[in-house]
Amino acid sequence: MSERILTRTERATARLATGAVAHFVCGLIDWVVLLGRFARAKLRGGDWG
């Protein structure tokens, strides 16, 4: 199976796509951490932290 060399636009598109996915995943993780911290603080009945 021969590998095709990607054109410049294909490389740019791939980079943008992976960047967007990585950005989305990082944002999702941030939200999960934030909500988890908030839930723990609420369960303890204390303040944040």
PDB file of N, CA and C in Angstrom:
ATOM      1  N   MET A   1       0.846  -1.199   0.000  1.00  0.00           N
ATOM      2  CA  MET A   1       0.000   0.000   0.000  1.00  0.00           C
ATOM      3  C   MET A   1       0.881   1.249   0.000  1.00  0.00           C
ATOM      4  N   SER A   2       0.766   2.033  -1.031  1.00  0.00           N
ATOM      5  CA  SER A   2       1.593   3.237  -1.107  1.00  0.00           C
ATOM      6  C   SER A   2       0.889   4.399  -0.406  1.00  0.00           C
ATOM      7  N   GLU A   3       1.678   5.153   0.330  1.00  0.00           N
ATOM      8  CA  GLU A   3       1.103   6.305   1.036  1.00  0.00           C
ATOM      9  C   GLU A   3       1.120   7.522   0.128  1.00  0.00           C
ATOM     10  N   ARG A   4       0.016   8.228   0.117  1.00  0.00           N
ATOM     11  CA  ARG A   4      -0.099   9.426  -0.703  1.00  0.00           C
ATOM     12  C   ARG A   4       0.418  10.620   0.095  1.00  0.00           C
ATOM     13  N   ILE A   5       1.164  11.457  -0.555  1.00  0.00           N
ATOM     14  CA  ILE A   5       1.673  12.656   0.117  1.00  0.00           C
ATOM     15  C   ILE A   5       0.541  13.684   0.201  1.00  0.00           C
ATOM     16  N   LEU A   6       0.327  14.204   1.385  1.00  0.00           N
ATOM     17  CA  LEU A   6      -0.754  15.170   1.581  1.00  0.00           C
ATOM     18  C   LEU A   6      -0.395  16.518   0.973  1.00  0.00           C
ATOM     19  N   THR A   7      -1.385  17.152   0.426  1.00  0.00           N
ATOM     20  CA  THR A   7      -1.176  18.502  -0.101  1.00  0.00           C
ATOM     21  C   THR A   7      -1.174  19.485   1.062  1.00  0.00           C
ATOM     22  N   ARG A   8      -0.794  20.699   0.766  1.00  0.00           N
ATOM     23  CA  ARG A   8      -0.707  21.716   1.814  1.00  0.00           C
ATOM     24  C   ARG A   8      -2.077  21.973   2.453  1.00  0.00           C
ATOM     25  N   THR A   9      -3.131  22.048   1.643  1.00  0.00           N
ATOM     26  CA  THR A   9      -4.469  22.315   2.198  1.00  0.00           C
ATOM     27  C   THR A   9      -4.951  21.144   3.045  1.00  0.00           C
ATOM     28  N   GLU A  10      -4.624  19.933   2.627  1.00  0.00           N
ATOM     29  CA  GLU A  10      -5.024  18.761   3.416  1.00  0.00           C
ATOM     30  C   GLU A  10      -4.318  18.747   4.768  1.00  0.00           C
ATOM     31  N   ARG A  11      -3.033  19.115   4.754  1.00  0.00           N
ATOM     32  CA  ARG A  11      -2.295  19.184   6.020  1.00  0.00           C
ATOM     33  C   ARG A  11      -2.890  20.247   6.931  1.00  0.00           C
ATOM     34  N   ALA A  12      -3.219  21.404   6.363  1.00  0.00           N
ATOM     35  CA  ALA A  12      -3.803  22.496   7.148  1.00  0.00           C
ATOM     36  C   ALA A  12      -5.157  22.084   7.718  1.00  0.00           C
ATOM     37  N   THR A  13      -5.955  21.414   6.905  1.00  0.00           N
ATOM     38  CA  THR A  13      -7.275  20.958   7.360  1.00  0.00           C
ATOM     39  C   THR A  13      -7.136  19.960   8.502  1.00  0.00           C
ATOM     40  N   ALA A  14      -6.201  19.024   8.359  1.00  0.00           N
ATOM     41  CA  ALA A  14      -5.986  18.021   9.404  1.00  0.00           C
ATOM     42  C   ALA A  14      -5.523  18.687  10.693  1.00  0.00           C
ATOM     43  N   ARG A  15      -4.639  19.673  10.556  1.00  0.00           N
ATOM     44  CA  ARG A  15      -4.132  20.352  11.747  1.00  0.00           C
ATOM     45  C   ARG A  15      -5.248  21.121  12.442  1.00  0.00           C
ATOM     46  N   LEU A  16      -6.084  21.789  11.645  1.00  0.00           N
ATOM     47  CA  LEU A  16      -7.210  22.531  12.221  1.00  0.00           C
ATOM     48  C   LEU A  16      -8.184  21.591  12.912  1.00  0.00           C
ATOM     49  N   ALA A  17      -8.459  20.454  12.280  1.00  0.00           N
ATOM     50  CA  ALA A  17      -9.416  19.497  12.842  1.00  0.00           C
ATOM     51  C   ALA A  17      -8.906  18.939  14.163  1.00  0.00           C
ATOM     52  N   THR A  18      -7.640  18.517  14.196  1.00  0.00           N
ATOM     53  CA  THR A  18      -7.107  17.952  15.436  1.00  0.00           C
ATOM     54  C   THR A  18      -7.011  19.028  16.508  1.00  0.00           C
ATOM     55  N   GLY A  19      -6.696  20.256  16.109  1.00  0.00           N
ATOM     56  CA  GLY A  19      -6.633  21.352  17.070  1.00  0.00           C
ATOM     57  C   GLY A  19      -7.993  21.629  17.680  1.00  0.00           C
ATOM     58  N   ALA A  20      -9.034  21.589  16.848  1.00  0.00           N
ATOM     59  CA  ALA A  20     -10.386  21.837  17.339  1.00  0.00           C
ATOM     60  C   ALA A  20     -10.830  20.727  18.286  1.00  0.00           C
ATOM     61  N   VAL A  21     -10.509  19.490  17.925  1.00  0.00           N
ATOM     62  CA  VAL A  21     -10.880  18.357  18.783  1.00  0.00           C
ATOM     63  C   VAL A  21     -10.146  18.445  20.113  1.00  0.00           C
ATOM     64  N   ALA A  22      -8.850  18.749  20.069  1.00  0.00           N
ATOM     65  CA  ALA A  22      -8.062  18.864  21.297  1.00  0.00           C
ATOM     66  C   ALA A  22      -8.605  19.994  22.172  1.00  0.00           C
ATOM     67  N   HIS A  23      -8.948  21.104  21.548  1.00  0.00           N
ATOM     68  CA  HIS A  23      -9.492  22.247  22.275  1.00  0.00           C
ATOM     69  C   HIS A  23     -10.806  21.868  22.956  1.00  0.00           C
ATOM     70  N   PHE A  24     -11.663  21.155  22.225  1.00  0.00           N
ATOM     71  CA  PHE A  24     -12.954  20.724  22.758  1.00  0.00           C
ATOM     72  C   PHE A  24     -12.765  19.772  23.934  1.00  0.00           C
ATOM     73  N   VAL A  25     -11.859  18.811  23.781  1.00  0.00           N
ATOM     74  CA  VAL A  25     -11.616  17.832  24.845  1.00  0.00           C
ATOM     75  C   VAL A  25     -11.070  18.522  26.089  1.00  0.00           C
ATOM     76  N   CYS A  26     -10.149  19.457  25.907  1.00  0.00           N
ATOM     77  CA  CYS A  26      -9.594  20.187  27.052  1.00  0.00           C
ATOM     78  C   CYS A  26     -10.681  20.992  27.764  1.00  0.00           C
ATOM     79  N   GLY A  27     -11.553  21.623  26.995  1.00  0.00           N
ATOM     80  CA  GLY A  27     -12.651  22.379  27.591  1.00  0.00           C
ATOM     81  C   GLY A  27     -13.590  21.476  28.360  1.00  0.00           C
ATOM     82  N   LEU A  28     -13.835  20.291  27.803  1.00  0.00           N
ATOM     83  CA  LEU A  28     -14.710  19.321  28.457  1.00  0.00           C
ATOM     84  C   LEU A  28     -14.108  18.876  29.788  1.00  0.00           C
ATOM     85  N   ILE A  29     -12.811  18.594  29.787  1.00  0.00           N
ATOM     86  CA  ILE A  29     -12.130  18.165  31.014  1.00  0.00           C
ATOM     87  C   ILE A  29     -12.185  19.277  32.054  1.00  0.00           C
ATOM     88  N   ASP A  30     -11.981  20.524  31.619  1.00  0.00           N
ATOM     89  CA  ASP A  30     -12.066  21.661  32.538  1.00  0.00           C
ATOM     90  C   ASP A  30     -13.431  21.713  33.212  1.00  0.00           C
ATOM     91  N   TRP A  31     -14.497  21.529  32.426  1.00  0.00           N
ATOM     92  CA  TRP A  31     -15.845  21.560  32.981  1.00  0.00           C
ATOM     93  C   TRP A  31     -16.063  20.434  33.984  1.00  0.00           C
ATOM     94  N   VAL A  32     -15.591  19.236  33.647  1.00  0.00           N
ATOM     95  CA  VAL A  32     -15.758  18.087  34.547  1.00  0.00           C
ATOM     96  C   VAL A  32     -15.039  18.343  35.867  1.00  0.00           C
ATOM     97  N   VAL A  33     -13.820  18.866  35.788  1.00  0.00           N
ATOM     98  CA  VAL A  33     -13.054  19.166  37.003  1.00  0.00           C
ATOM     99  C   VAL A  33     -13.767  20.228  37.827  1.00  0.00           C
ATOM    100  N   LEU A  34     -14.243  21.269  37.149  1.00  0.00           N
ATOM    101  CA  LEU A  34     -14.929  22.361  37.837  1.00  0.00           C
ATOM    102  C   LEU A  34     -16.192  21.864  38.536  1.00  0.00           C
ATOM    103  N   LEU A  35     -17.018  21.103  37.811  1.00  0.00           N
ATOM    104  CA  LEU A  35     -18.256  20.582  38.394  1.00  0.00           C
ATOM    105  C   LEU A  35     -17.967  19.602  39.524  1.00  0.00           C
ATOM    106  N   GLY A  36     -16.940  18.779  39.361  1.00  0.00           N
ATOM    107  CA  GLY A  36     -16.566  17.827  40.410  1.00  0.00           C
ATOM    108  C   GLY A  36     -16.150  18.546  41.679  1.00  0.00           C
ATOM    109  N   ARG A  37     -15.377  19.601  41.520  1.00  0.00           N
ATOM    110  CA  ARG A  37     -14.918  20.373  42.675  1.00  0.00           C
ATOM    111  C   ARG A  37     -16.108  21.031  43.377  1.00  0.00           C
ATOM    112  N   PHE A  38     -17.026  21.579  42.574  1.00  0.00           N
ATOM    113  CA  PHE A  38     -18.208  22.234  43.119  1.00  0.00           C
ATOM    114  C   PHE A  38     -19.080  21.228  43.871  1.00  0.00           C
ATOM    115  N   ALA A  39     -19.270  20.040  43.277  1.00  0.00           N
ATOM    116  CA  ALA A  39     -20.098  19.006  43.907  1.00  0.00           C
ATOM    117  C   ALA A  39     -19.484  18.552  45.225  1.00  0.00           C
ATOM    118  N   ARG A  40     -18.169  18.369  45.240  1.00  0.00           N
ATOM    119  CA  ARG A  40     -17.502  17.952  46.477  1.00  0.00           C
ATOM    120  C   ARG A  40     -17.657  19.004  47.562  1.00  0.00           C
ATOM    121  N   ALA A  41     -17.502  20.273  47.193  1.00  0.00           N
ATOM    122  CA  ALA A  41     -17.628  21.359  48.158  1.00  0.00           C
ATOM    123  C   ALA A  41     -19.052  21.408  48.713  1.00  0.00           C
ATOM    124  N   LYS A  42     -20.033  21.182  47.838  1.00  0.00           N
ATOM    125  CA  LYS A  42     -21.429  21.203  48.280  1.00  0.00           C
ATOM    126  C   LYS A  42     -21.712  20.043  49.229  1.00  0.00           C
ATOM    127  N   LEU A  43     -21.186  18.871  48.904  1.00  0.00           N
ATOM    128  CA  LEU A  43     -21.407  17.701  49.752  1.00  0.00           C
ATOM    129  C   LEU A  43     -20.805  17.915  51.134  1.00  0.00           C
ATOM    130  N   ARG A  44     -19.650  18.541  51.173  1.00  0.00           N
ATOM    131  CA  ARG A  44     -19.009  18.813  52.453  1.00  0.00           C
ATOM    132  C   ARG A  44     -19.703  19.952  53.185  1.00  0.00           C
ATOM    133  N   GLY A  45     -20.497  20.711  52.459  1.00  0.00           N
ATOM    134  CA  GLY A  45     -21.199  21.826  53.075  1.00  0.00           C
ATOM    135  C   GLY A  45     -20.297  23.012  53.329  1.00  0.00           C
ATOM    136  N   GLY A  46     -19.101  22.964  52.770  1.00  0.00           N
ATOM    137  CA  GLY A  46     -18.161  24.050  52.992  1.00  0.00           C
ATOM    138  C   GLY A  46     -18.023  24.945  51.783  1.00  0.00           C
ATOM    139  N   ASP A  47     -16.985  25.738  51.814  1.00  0.00           N
ATOM    140  CA  ASP A  47     -16.710  26.620  50.691  1.00  0.00           C
ATOM    141  C   ASP A  47     -15.918  25.877  49.629  1.00  0.00           C
ATOM    142  N   TRP A  48     -15.590  26.620  48.559  1.00  0.00           N
ATOM    143  CA  TRP A  48     -14.766  26.038  47.495  1.00  0.00           C
ATOM    144  C   TRP A  48     -13.407  25.687  48.068  1.00  0.00           C
ATOM    145  N   GLY A  49     -12.828  24.605  47.563  1.00  0.00           N
ATOM    146  CA  GLY A  49     -11.478  24.244  47.966  1.00  0.00           C
ATOM    147  C   GLY A  49     -11.470  23.063  48.773  1.00  0.00           C
TER     148      GLY A  49
END
